C-alpha cells in the first residue's frame, strides 16, 4: 500500500494515449490499445484509478488515434472520481510533443507539479513518494525508475550519489546501469513550456538530454514495486492475469475470486476449472472440454 504523504491540492496529470498500438494488431485495428479489456475493464480504467488514488483530481488525456472513442467511454470522468479534459493531436507529436500539446488543458501555476503517465504501463509505484522527492529536490523533472535484468531494451538512466540523473541513454547496446525509464514523470509546470511546440519531440532523445546539458535538476525516483510495459500481446495478457491474481492491486478490477474473474452474465459449467488469472467475459460459457483458457477478457 502507498505510504501517506502531505497533500498539495489540486494535483493534475497528463495521460499519453496517442499510440497506434501496432505491436498489438489486429486487436488495435478497431480500438485503441488503451481501451482493450484488461481484468474486466478497459485498460485505461486501471490508470485512472491509480491517478485518483494518488489524489489527482484533473487528468488531461492526450489523444490521437481514434480519439473519439475515449470520450465516448469515459465522458467527463465523474464516474471515476476525476475530471477529464481531452486534447487531440491531429498528427502524432512524439512523447515530448504530446506533453507540450496537452499542457494547453492544464490549469495550475508555473511551479505546480504535473504527473505524466505513459499509457502503456501498469505500475504499483508510490506516486506520492515520487511527488515528495520532486518537491524536496526542487526538481525540473523527477523520473520513475525501475531495475530490470535486460536494460538494453529500454532507456538507461544513471544517477549520481544524490539521486540526480546524469545522463539519459535511450536503448543503448552497452547499458551502464540496470535502472531504466519506467514512463511516469513529474514535471514542474513551467518546464513543460520549454518543450518546442507544434513539432515531433521525444522526451527520451531530446528533452531529457537537453535539460541535463543545460543544468536543470532531473531526479530519479527508484522503486521496486510491480511494473510492466504492456505493449506486446504477451505482456498485455500477463498484465490482465496479474491484476486478476492480485500481483498488482487495482480498485478498478470488478471483483476478485482467486485464480479467475467471472464477469456478470457469464455461466461457468460445474465441471470447468479456471486458473492463471483467466477472465470469463459476459455471455461466455466455458466447460471442462474447452480447448485451453484465455487469460485476458
C-alpha atoms as a PDB file:
ATOM      1  CA  UNK A   1       0.000   0.000   0.000  1.00  0.00           C
ATOM      2  CA  UNK A   2       1.276   3.531  -0.762  1.00  0.00           C
ATOM      3  CA  UNK A   3       2.516   5.431   2.281  1.00  0.00           C
ATOM      4  CA  UNK A   4       0.844   8.614   3.470  1.00  0.00           C
ATOM      5  CA  UNK A   5       2.228  11.856   2.110  1.00  0.00           C
ATOM      6  CA  UNK A   6       1.391  15.512   2.568  1.00  0.00           C
ATOM      7  CA  UNK A   7      -1.346  16.513   0.124  1.00  0.00           C
ATOM      8  CA  UNK A   8      -0.871  19.546  -2.096  1.00  0.00           C
ATOM      9  CA  UNK A   9      -4.078  20.292  -3.952  1.00  0.00           C
ATOM     10  CA  UNK A  10      -5.043  20.357  -6.689  1.00  0.00           C
ATOM     11  CA  UNK A  11      -2.987  17.749  -8.486  1.00  0.00           C
ATOM     12  CA  UNK A  12      -3.090  17.457 -12.268  1.00  0.00           C
ATOM     13  CA  UNK A  13      -1.848  14.822 -14.676  1.00  0.00           C
ATOM     14  CA  UNK A  14      -1.355  14.224 -18.386  1.00  0.00           C
ATOM     15  CA  UNK A  15      -2.007  10.708 -19.657  1.00  0.00           C
ATOM     16  CA  UNK A  16      -0.416   9.844 -23.009  1.00  0.00           C
ATOM     17  CA  UNK A  17      -2.696   7.605 -25.112  1.00  0.00           C
ATOM     18  CA  UNK A  18      -1.903   8.650 -28.679  1.00  0.00           C
ATOM     19  CA  UNK A  19      -0.125   5.495 -29.850  1.00  0.00           C
ATOM     20  CA  UNK A  20      -1.424   3.269 -32.657  1.00  0.00           C
ATOM     21  CA  UNK A  21      -0.706   0.004 -30.815  1.00  0.00           C
ATOM     22  CA  UNK A  22       0.954  -1.578 -33.850  1.00  0.00           C
ATOM     23  CA  UNK A  23       2.519  -4.354 -31.762  1.00  0.00           C
ATOM     24  CA  UNK A  24      -0.956  -5.425 -30.617  1.00  0.00           C
ATOM     25  CA  UNK A  25      -2.541  -5.704 -34.068  1.00  0.00           C
ATOM     26  CA  UNK A  26      -5.056  -6.971 -35.096  1.00  0.00           C
ATOM     27  CA  UNK A  27      -6.652  -6.177 -31.708  1.00  0.00           C
ATOM     28  CA  UNK A  28      -5.973  -2.458 -32.200  1.00  0.00           C
ATOM     29  CA  UNK A  29      -7.326  -2.117 -35.746  1.00  0.00           C
ATOM     30  CA  UNK A  30     -10.762  -1.165 -34.413  1.00  0.00           C
ATOM     31  CA  UNK A  31      -9.883   0.156 -30.949  1.00  0.00           C
ATOM     32  CA  UNK A  32      -7.026   1.990 -29.227  1.00  0.00           C
ATOM     33  CA  UNK A  33      -4.961  -0.404 -27.127  1.00  0.00           C
ATOM     34  CA  UNK A  34      -5.794   1.652 -24.028  1.00  0.00           C
ATOM     35  CA  UNK A  35      -9.455   0.619 -24.357  1.00  0.00           C
ATOM     36  CA  UNK A  36      -8.841  -3.111 -24.752  1.00  0.00           C
ATOM     37  CA  UNK A  37     -10.398  -5.155 -21.913  1.00  0.00           C
ATOM     38  CA  UNK A  38      -7.941  -5.861 -19.116  1.00  0.00           C
ATOM     39  CA  UNK A  39      -9.082  -7.739 -15.999  1.00  0.00           C
ATOM     40  CA  UNK A  40     -12.685  -6.981 -16.875  1.00  0.00           C
ATOM     41  CA  UNK A  41     -12.470  -3.265 -17.722  1.00  0.00           C
ATOM     42  CA  UNK A  42     -10.755  -1.084 -20.355  1.00  0.00           C
ATOM     43  CA  UNK A  43      -7.007  -0.919 -19.672  1.00  0.00           C
ATOM     44  CA  UNK A  44      -7.078   2.828 -19.114  1.00  0.00           C
ATOM     45  CA  UNK A  45      -9.526   2.412 -16.228  1.00  0.00           C
ATOM     46  CA  UNK A  46      -6.712   0.998 -14.082  1.00  0.00           C
ATOM     47  CA  UNK A  47      -4.541   4.051 -14.743  1.00  0.00           C
ATOM     48  CA  UNK A  48      -7.394   6.428 -13.965  1.00  0.00           C
ATOM     49  CA  UNK A  49      -7.983   4.552 -10.702  1.00  0.00           C
ATOM     50  CA  UNK A  50      -4.306   4.838  -9.787  1.00  0.00           C
ATOM     51  CA  UNK A  51      -4.367   8.569 -10.522  1.00  0.00           C
ATOM     52  CA  UNK A  52      -7.442   9.125  -8.366  1.00  0.00           C
ATOM     53  CA  UNK A  53      -5.918   7.031  -5.571  1.00  0.00           C
ATOM     54  CA  UNK A  54      -2.861   9.328  -5.613  1.00  0.00           C
ATOM     55  CA  UNK A  55      -5.036  12.410  -5.105  1.00  0.00           C
ATOM     56  CA  UNK A  56      -5.007  13.576  -8.720  1.00  0.00           C
ATOM     57  CA  UNK A  57      -8.224  15.448  -9.470  1.00  0.00           C
ATOM     58  CA  UNK A  58      -7.813  16.538 -13.096  1.00  0.00           C
ATOM     59  CA  UNK A  59      -6.415  14.423 -15.949  1.00  0.00           C
ATOM     60  CA  UNK A  60      -5.661  15.743 -19.417  1.00  0.00           C
ATOM     61  CA  UNK A  61      -5.941  12.878 -21.887  1.00  0.00           C
ATOM     62  CA  UNK A  62      -3.519  13.332 -24.801  1.00  0.00           C
ATOM     63  CA  UNK A  63      -5.264  11.545 -27.669  1.00  0.00           C
ATOM     64  CA  UNK A  64      -4.562  10.930 -31.347  1.00  0.00           C
ATOM     65  CA  UNK A  65      -5.599   7.533 -32.777  1.00  0.00           C
ATOM     66  CA  UNK A  66      -9.405   7.017 -32.647  1.00  0.00           C
ATOM     67  CA  UNK A  67      -9.649   9.906 -30.191  1.00  0.00           C
ATOM     68  CA  UNK A  68     -13.455   9.997 -30.163  1.00  0.00           C
ATOM     69  CA  UNK A  69     -13.643   6.556 -28.560  1.00  0.00           C
ATOM     70  CA  UNK A  70     -12.086   7.780 -25.303  1.00  0.00           C
ATOM     71  CA  UNK A  71     -14.720  10.447 -24.690  1.00  0.00           C
ATOM     72  CA  UNK A  72     -17.472   8.003 -25.625  1.00  0.00           C
ATOM     73  CA  UNK A  73     -16.219   5.578 -22.973  1.00  0.00           C
ATOM     74  CA  UNK A  74     -15.153   7.854 -20.100  1.00  0.00           C
ATOM     75  CA  UNK A  75     -17.087  11.096 -20.597  1.00  0.00           C
ATOM     76  CA  UNK A  76     -16.122  13.826 -18.143  1.00  0.00           C
ATOM     77  CA  UNK A  77     -14.585  11.343 -15.705  1.00  0.00           C
ATOM     78  CA  UNK A  78     -17.130  11.807 -12.920  1.00  0.00           C
ATOM     79  CA  UNK A  79     -17.806   8.053 -12.645  1.00  0.00           C
ATOM     80  CA  UNK A  80     -14.096   7.592 -11.942  1.00  0.00           C
ATOM     81  CA  UNK A  81     -13.876  10.347  -9.330  1.00  0.00           C
ATOM     82  CA  UNK A  82     -11.901  12.549 -11.726  1.00  0.00           C
ATOM     83  CA  UNK A  83     -12.317  15.410 -14.151  1.00  0.00           C
ATOM     84  CA  UNK A  84     -11.071  14.533 -17.639  1.00  0.00           C
ATOM     85  CA  UNK A  85     -10.110  17.060 -20.310  1.00  0.00           C
ATOM     86  CA  UNK A  86      -9.429  15.798 -23.841  1.00  0.00           C
ATOM     87  CA  UNK A  87      -6.692  17.315 -26.021  1.00  0.00           C
ATOM     88  CA  UNK A  88      -6.245  15.897 -29.518  1.00  0.00           C
ATOM     89  CA  UNK A  89      -3.130  15.639 -31.718  1.00  0.00           C
ATOM     90  CA  UNK A  90      -4.024  15.844 -35.407  1.00  0.00           C
ATOM     91  CA  UNK A  91      -0.675  14.213 -36.179  1.00  0.00           C
ATOM     92  CA  UNK A  92       1.397  12.195 -33.664  1.00  0.00           C
ATOM     93  CA  UNK A  93       3.913  14.504 -31.977  1.00  0.00           C
ATOM     94  CA  UNK A  94       6.090  12.042 -30.048  1.00  0.00           C
ATOM     95  CA  UNK A  95       6.246  11.856 -26.253  1.00  0.00           C
ATOM     96  CA  UNK A  96       7.565  15.386 -25.727  1.00  0.00           C
ATOM     97  CA  UNK A  97       5.365  16.946 -28.381  1.00  0.00           C
ATOM     98  CA  UNK A  98       2.313  15.221 -26.917  1.00  0.00           C
ATOM     99  CA  UNK A  99       3.092  16.540 -23.425  1.00  0.00           C
ATOM    100  CA  UNK A 100       3.613  20.074 -24.783  1.00  0.00           C
ATOM    101  CA  UNK A 101       0.377  19.919 -26.779  1.00  0.00           C
ATOM    102  CA  UNK A 102      -1.656  18.511 -23.868  1.00  0.00           C
ATOM    103  CA  UNK A 103      -0.396  21.229 -21.491  1.00  0.00           C
ATOM    104  CA  UNK A 104      -2.946  23.616 -23.003  1.00  0.00           C
ATOM    105  CA  UNK A 105      -5.535  21.728 -20.942  1.00  0.00           C
ATOM    106  CA  UNK A 106      -3.752  22.284 -17.605  1.00  0.00           C
ATOM    107  CA  UNK A 107      -4.887  24.906 -15.111  1.00  0.00           C
ATOM    108  CA  UNK A 108      -2.157  25.059 -12.460  1.00  0.00           C
ATOM    109  CA  UNK A 109       0.512  27.665 -11.821  1.00  0.00           C
ATOM    110  CA  UNK A 110       4.091  27.633 -13.168  1.00  0.00           C
ATOM    111  CA  UNK A 111       5.570  25.978 -10.076  1.00  0.00           C
ATOM    112  CA  UNK A 112       2.909  23.273  -9.709  1.00  0.00           C
ATOM    113  CA  UNK A 113       3.829  19.619 -10.318  1.00  0.00           C
ATOM    114  CA  UNK A 114       2.236  17.764 -13.231  1.00  0.00           C
ATOM    115  CA  UNK A 115       2.276  13.948 -13.259  1.00  0.00           C
ATOM    116  CA  UNK A 116       2.820  12.404 -16.696  1.00  0.00           C
ATOM    117  CA  UNK A 117       1.605   8.830 -17.242  1.00  0.00           C
ATOM    118  CA  UNK A 118       2.649   6.611 -20.135  1.00  0.00           C
ATOM    119  CA  UNK A 119      -0.466   4.827 -21.393  1.00  0.00           C
ATOM    120  CA  UNK A 120       1.432   1.550 -21.963  1.00  0.00           C
ATOM    121  CA  UNK A 121       2.426   0.871 -18.352  1.00  0.00           C
ATOM    122  CA  UNK A 122       0.986  -0.944 -15.351  1.00  0.00           C
ATOM    123  CA  UNK A 123       2.721   0.162 -12.160  1.00  0.00           C
ATOM    124  CA  UNK A 124       2.293  -0.174  -8.422  1.00  0.00           C
ATOM    125  CA  UNK A 125       4.831   2.510  -7.569  1.00  0.00           C
ATOM    126  CA  UNK A 126       4.156   5.181  -4.961  1.00  0.00           C
ATOM    127  CA  UNK A 127       3.243   8.392  -6.810  1.00  0.00           C
ATOM    128  CA  UNK A 128       3.048  10.307  -3.529  1.00  0.00           C
ATOM    129  CA  UNK A 129       6.672   9.436  -2.726  1.00  0.00           C
ATOM    130  CA  UNK A 130       7.728  10.465  -6.224  1.00  0.00           C
ATOM    131  CA  UNK A 131       5.987  13.819  -5.753  1.00  0.00           C
ATOM    132  CA  UNK A 132       7.623  14.287  -2.347  1.00  0.00           C
ATOM    133  CA  UNK A 133      11.089  13.743  -3.823  1.00  0.00           C
ATOM    134  CA  UNK A 134      10.291  16.150  -6.655  1.00  0.00           C
ATOM    135  CA  UNK A 135       9.266  18.910  -4.257  1.00  0.00           C
ATOM    136  CA  UNK A 136      12.124  18.405  -1.796  1.00  0.00           C
ATOM    137  CA  UNK A 137      14.719  18.474  -4.589  1.00  0.00           C
ATOM    138  CA  UNK A 138      13.031  21.443  -6.315  1.00  0.00           C
ATOM    139  CA  UNK A 139      13.467  19.405  -9.488  1.00  0.00           C
ATOM    140  CA  UNK A 140      12.525  20.332 -13.023  1.00  0.00           C
ATOM    141  CA  UNK A 141      11.560  16.702 -13.665  1.00  0.00           C
ATOM    142  CA  UNK A 142      11.503  13.590 -11.480  1.00  0.00           C
ATOM    143  CA  UNK A 143      11.561  10.261 -13.315  1.00  0.00           C
ATOM    144  CA  UNK A 144      10.232   6.961 -12.003  1.00  0.00           C
ATOM    145  CA  UNK A 145      12.984   4.354 -12.480  1.00  0.00           C
ATOM    146  CA  UNK A 146      12.973   0.577 -12.106  1.00  0.00           C
ATOM    147  CA  UNK A 147      15.740  -2.031 -12.238  1.00  0.00           C
ATOM    148  CA  UNK A 148      15.449  -4.749 -14.892  1.00  0.00           C
ATOM    149  CA  UNK A 149      17.586  -7.742 -15.927  1.00  0.00           C
ATOM    150  CA  UNK A 150      17.943  -6.539 -19.551  1.00  0.00           C
ATOM    151  CA  UNK A 151      18.222  -2.725 -19.626  1.00  0.00           C
ATOM    152  CA  UNK A 152      19.389  -2.632 -23.263  1.00  0.00           C
ATOM    153  CA  UNK A 153      15.742  -2.697 -24.447  1.00  0.00           C
ATOM    154  CA  UNK A 154      14.853   0.460 -22.519  1.00  0.00           C
ATOM    155  CA  UNK A 155      16.072   3.957 -21.722  1.00  0.00           C
ATOM    156  CA  UNK A 156      19.049   3.590 -19.368  1.00  0.00           C
ATOM    157  CA  UNK A 157      19.270   6.248 -16.614  1.00  0.00           C
ATOM    158  CA  UNK A 158      22.438   6.580 -14.487  1.00  0.00           C
ATOM    159  CA  UNK A 159      22.306   8.592 -11.237  1.00  0.00           C
ATOM    160  CA  UNK A 160      24.869  10.309  -9.051  1.00  0.00           C
ATOM    161  CA  UNK A 161      25.171   9.690  -5.308  1.00  0.00           C
ATOM    162  CA  UNK A 162      22.443  12.268  -4.582  1.00  0.00           C
ATOM    163  CA  UNK A 163      19.957  10.596  -6.939  1.00  0.00           C
ATOM    164  CA  UNK A 164      20.319  13.210  -9.681  1.00  0.00           C
ATOM    165  CA  UNK A 165      20.077  11.985 -13.279  1.00  0.00           C
ATOM    166  CA  UNK A 166      23.444  12.352 -15.025  1.00  0.00           C
ATOM    167  CA  UNK A 167      22.511  11.056 -18.482  1.00  0.00           C
ATOM    168  CA  UNK A 168      19.631   9.582 -20.464  1.00  0.00           C
ATOM    169  CA  UNK A 169      20.827   6.804 -22.726  1.00  0.00           C
ATOM    170  CA  UNK A 170      17.918   5.662 -24.865  1.00  0.00           C
ATOM    171  CA  UNK A 171      18.155   1.933 -25.762  1.00  0.00           C
ATOM    172  CA  UNK A 172      21.931   1.722 -25.718  1.00  0.00           C
ATOM    173  CA  UNK A 173      23.521  -1.690 -26.514  1.00  0.00           C
ATOM    174  CA  UNK A 174      26.014  -1.269 -23.653  1.00  0.00           C
ATOM    175  CA  UNK A 175      23.993  -0.006 -20.661  1.00  0.00           C
ATOM    176  CA  UNK A 176      25.976   1.462 -17.769  1.00  0.00           C
ATOM    177  CA  UNK A 177      23.226   0.695 -15.252  1.00  0.00           C
ATOM    178  CA  UNK A 178      20.212  -1.599 -14.974  1.00  0.00           C
ATOM    179  CA  UNK A 179      17.977   1.335 -13.954  1.00  0.00           C
ATOM    180  CA  UNK A 180      15.578   2.237 -16.737  1.00  0.00           C
ATOM    181  CA  UNK A 181      12.973   4.849 -17.509  1.00  0.00           C
ATOM    182  CA  UNK A 182       9.652   3.476 -16.214  1.00  0.00           C
ATOM    183  CA  UNK A 183       7.465   6.015 -18.028  1.00  0.00           C
ATOM    184  CA  UNK A 184       5.978   8.101 -15.203  1.00  0.00           C
ATOM    185  CA  UNK A 185       7.342  11.627 -14.737  1.00  0.00           C
ATOM    186  CA  UNK A 186       6.659  14.628 -12.545  1.00  0.00           C
ATOM    187  CA  UNK A 187       7.290  17.898 -14.405  1.00  0.00           C
ATOM    188  CA  UNK A 188       7.339  21.401 -12.979  1.00  0.00           C
ATOM    189  CA  UNK A 189       4.559  23.064 -14.986  1.00  0.00           C
ATOM    190  CA  UNK A 190       6.781  25.866 -16.327  1.00  0.00           C
ATOM    191  CA  UNK A 191       9.336  23.355 -17.638  1.00  0.00           C
ATOM    192  CA  UNK A 192       6.773  21.835 -19.997  1.00  0.00           C
ATOM    193  CA  UNK A 193       6.655  25.175 -21.829  1.00  0.00           C
ATOM    194  CA  UNK A 194      10.348  24.756 -22.690  1.00  0.00           C
ATOM    195  CA  UNK A 195       9.474  21.828 -24.969  1.00  0.00           C
ATOM    196  CA  UNK A 196       9.139  23.089 -28.565  1.00  0.00           C
ATOM    197  CA  UNK A 197       5.519  23.387 -29.700  1.00  0.00           C
ATOM    198  CA  UNK A 198       3.828  22.025 -32.830  1.00  0.00           C
ATOM    199  CA  UNK A 199       6.520  19.555 -33.839  1.00  0.00           C
ATOM    200  CA  UNK A 200       7.589  15.987 -33.081  1.00  0.00           C
ATOM    201  CA  UNK A 201       9.700  15.846 -29.904  1.00  0.00           C
ATOM    202  CA  UNK A 202      10.989  12.821 -27.973  1.00  0.00           C
ATOM    203  CA  UNK A 203      11.478  13.405 -24.251  1.00  0.00           C
ATOM    204  CA  UNK A 204      13.832  10.430 -24.196  1.00  0.00           C
ATOM    205  CA  UNK A 205      16.099  11.523 -27.072  1.00  0.00           C
ATOM    206  CA  UNK A 206      15.767  15.318 -26.980  1.00  0.00           C
ATOM    207  CA  UNK A 207      14.049  16.822 -23.924  1.00  0.00           C
ATOM    208  CA  UNK A 208      15.756  14.979 -21.070  1.00  0.00           C
ATOM    209  CA  UNK A 209      19.275  15.072 -22.566  1.00  0.00           C
ATOM    210  CA  UNK A 210      18.772  18.777 -23.305  1.00  0.00           C
ATOM    211  CA  UNK A 211      17.642  19.535 -19.770  1.00  0.00           C
ATOM    212  CA  UNK A 212      20.662  17.698 -18.331  1.00  0.00           C
ATOM    213  CA  UNK A 213      23.039  19.574 -20.637  1.00  0.00           C
ATOM    214  CA  UNK A 214      21.573  22.924 -19.577  1.00  0.00           C
ATOM    215  CA  UNK A 215      21.962  22.159 -15.861  1.00  0.00           C
ATOM    216  CA  UNK A 216      18.301  21.517 -14.996  1.00  0.00           C
ATOM    217  CA  UNK A 217      17.755  19.277 -11.967  1.00  0.00           C
ATOM    218  CA  UNK A 218      16.396  15.888 -13.023  1.00  0.00           C
ATOM    219  CA  UNK A 219      15.876  13.446 -10.156  1.00  0.00           C
ATOM    220  CA  UNK A 220      15.499   9.674 -10.290  1.00  0.00           C
ATOM    221  CA  UNK A 221      12.858   8.040  -8.100  1.00  0.00           C
ATOM    222  CA  UNK A 222      13.848   4.371  -7.837  1.00  0.00           C
ATOM    223  CA  UNK A 223      11.068   1.992  -6.811  1.00  0.00           C
ATOM    224  CA  UNK A 224      10.855  -1.804  -6.578  1.00  0.00           C
ATOM    225  CA  UNK A 225       7.063  -2.182  -6.845  1.00  0.00           C
ATOM    226  CA  UNK A 226       5.297  -4.082  -9.619  1.00  0.00           C
ATOM    227  CA  UNK A 227       5.967  -2.653 -13.087  1.00  0.00           C
ATOM    228  CA  UNK A 228       5.118  -3.931 -16.573  1.00  0.00           C
ATOM    229  CA  UNK A 229       5.201  -2.463 -20.087  1.00  0.00           C
ATOM    230  CA  UNK A 230       2.121  -3.981 -21.753  1.00  0.00           C
ATOM    231  CA  UNK A 231       2.977  -3.080 -25.342  1.00  0.00           C
ATOM    232  CA  UNK A 232       3.150  -6.662 -26.700  1.00  0.00           C
ATOM    233  CA  UNK A 233       0.447  -9.367 -26.844  1.00  0.00           C
ATOM    234  CA  UNK A 234       2.352 -11.487 -24.310  1.00  0.00           C
ATOM    235  CA  UNK A 235       2.793  -8.714 -21.743  1.00  0.00           C
ATOM    236  CA  UNK A 236      -0.751  -7.432 -22.285  1.00  0.00           C
ATOM    237  CA  UNK A 237      -2.150 -10.857 -21.398  1.00  0.00           C
ATOM    238  CA  UNK A 238       0.274 -11.082 -18.468  1.00  0.00           C
ATOM    239  CA  UNK A 239      -0.873  -7.699 -17.135  1.00  0.00           C
ATOM    240  CA  UNK A 240      -4.523  -8.746 -17.158  1.00  0.00           C
ATOM    241  CA  UNK A 241      -3.713 -12.022 -15.411  1.00  0.00           C
ATOM    242  CA  UNK A 242      -1.549 -10.289 -12.801  1.00  0.00           C
ATOM    243  CA  UNK A 243      -4.390  -7.890 -11.962  1.00  0.00           C
ATOM    244  CA  UNK A 244      -6.838 -10.773 -11.536  1.00  0.00           C
ATOM    245  CA  UNK A 245      -4.372 -12.750  -9.405  1.00  0.00           C
ATOM    246  CA  UNK A 246      -3.670  -9.718  -7.221  1.00  0.00           C
ATOM    247  CA  UNK A 247       0.002  -9.359  -8.131  1.00  0.00           C
ATOM    248  CA  UNK A 248      -0.898  -5.703  -8.743  1.00  0.00           C
ATOM    249  CA  UNK A 249      -3.749  -4.201  -6.753  1.00  0.00           C
ATOM    250  CA  UNK A 250      -6.240  -2.114  -8.714  1.00  0.00           C
ATOM    251  CA  UNK A 251      -9.543  -0.776  -7.360  1.00  0.00           C
ATOM    252  CA  UNK A 252     -10.834  -0.958 -10.948  1.00  0.00           C
ATOM    253  CA  UNK A 253     -10.920  -4.777 -11.003  1.00  0.00           C
ATOM    254  CA  UNK A 254     -14.683  -5.601 -10.865  1.00  0.00           C
ATOM    255  CA  UNK A 255     -14.337  -8.487  -8.384  1.00  0.00           C
ATOM    256  CA  UNK A 256     -11.697 -10.872  -7.135  1.00  0.00           C
ATOM    257  CA  UNK A 257     -12.269 -14.585  -6.825  1.00  0.00           C
ATOM    258  CA  UNK A 258      -8.810 -16.073  -6.629  1.00  0.00           C
ATOM    259  CA  UNK A 259      -7.448 -17.628  -9.793  1.00  0.00           C
ATOM    260  CA  UNK A 260     -10.091 -16.265 -12.164  1.00  0.00           C
ATOM    261  CA  UNK A 261     -12.536 -13.414 -12.737  1.00  0.00           C
ATOM    262  CA  UNK A 262     -16.046 -14.279 -13.922  1.00  0.00           C
ATOM    263  CA  UNK A 263     -17.929 -11.246 -15.200  1.00  0.00           C
ATOM    264  CA  UNK A 264     -21.661 -10.738 -14.802  1.00  0.00           C
ATOM    265  CA  UNK A 265     -23.596 -12.623 -17.464  1.00  0.00           C
ATOM    266  CA  UNK A 266     -21.097 -15.446 -17.822  1.00  0.00           C
ATOM    267  CA  UNK A 267     -22.007 -19.046 -16.973  1.00  0.00           C
ATOM    268  CA  UNK A 268     -19.292 -21.451 -15.891  1.00  0.00           C
ATOM    269  CA  UNK A 269     -20.047 -25.147 -16.197  1.00  0.00           C
ATOM    270  CA  UNK A 270     -19.775 -27.127 -12.974  1.00  0.00           C
ATOM    271  CA  UNK A 271     -17.001 -29.300 -14.412  1.00  0.00           C
ATOM    272  CA  UNK A 272     -14.907 -26.336 -15.643  1.00  0.00           C
ATOM    273  CA  UNK A 273     -11.717 -25.326 -13.816  1.00  0.00           C
ATOM    274  CA  UNK A 274     -10.423 -21.784 -14.251  1.00  0.00           C
ATOM    275  CA  UNK A 275      -6.898 -20.745 -13.358  1.00  0.00           C
ATOM    276  CA  UNK A 276      -3.971 -18.489 -14.175  1.00  0.00           C
ATOM    277  CA  UNK A 277      -5.816 -15.181 -13.987  1.00  0.00           C
ATOM    278  CA  UNK A 278      -8.477 -16.152 -16.553  1.00  0.00           C
ATOM    279  CA  UNK A 279     -11.247 -13.650 -17.257  1.00  0.00           C
ATOM    280  CA  UNK A 280     -14.581 -15.060 -18.404  1.00  0.00           C
ATOM    281  CA  UNK A 281     -16.470 -12.405 -20.347  1.00  0.00           C
ATOM    282  CA  UNK A 282     -20.200 -11.727 -20.203  1.00  0.00           C
ATOM    283  CA  UNK A 283     -22.095 -14.319 -22.238  1.00  0.00           C
ATOM    284  CA  UNK A 284     -19.263 -16.861 -22.225  1.00  0.00           C
ATOM    285  CA  UNK A 285     -20.000 -20.441 -21.125  1.00  0.00           C
ATOM    286  CA  UNK A 286     -16.708 -22.308 -20.508  1.00  0.00           C
ATOM    287  CA  UNK A 287     -16.798 -26.052 -19.870  1.00  0.00           C
ATOM    288  CA  UNK A 288     -14.217 -28.684 -18.998  1.00  0.00           C
ATOM    289  CA  UNK A 289     -13.867 -29.553 -22.689  1.00  0.00           C
ATOM    290  CA  UNK A 290     -12.970 -26.009 -23.732  1.00  0.00           C
ATOM    291  CA  UNK A 291      -9.590 -26.008 -25.551  1.00  0.00           C
ATOM    292  CA  UNK A 292      -7.416 -24.135 -23.074  1.00  0.00           C
ATOM    293  CA  UNK A 293      -8.303 -20.918 -21.282  1.00  0.00           C
ATOM    294  CA  UNK A 294      -7.969 -17.300 -22.336  1.00  0.00           C
ATOM    295  CA  UNK A 295      -6.357 -15.328 -19.535  1.00  0.00           C
ATOM    296  CA  UNK A 296      -7.456 -11.902 -20.753  1.00  0.00           C
ATOM    297  CA  UNK A 297     -11.038 -10.891 -21.295  1.00  0.00           C
END
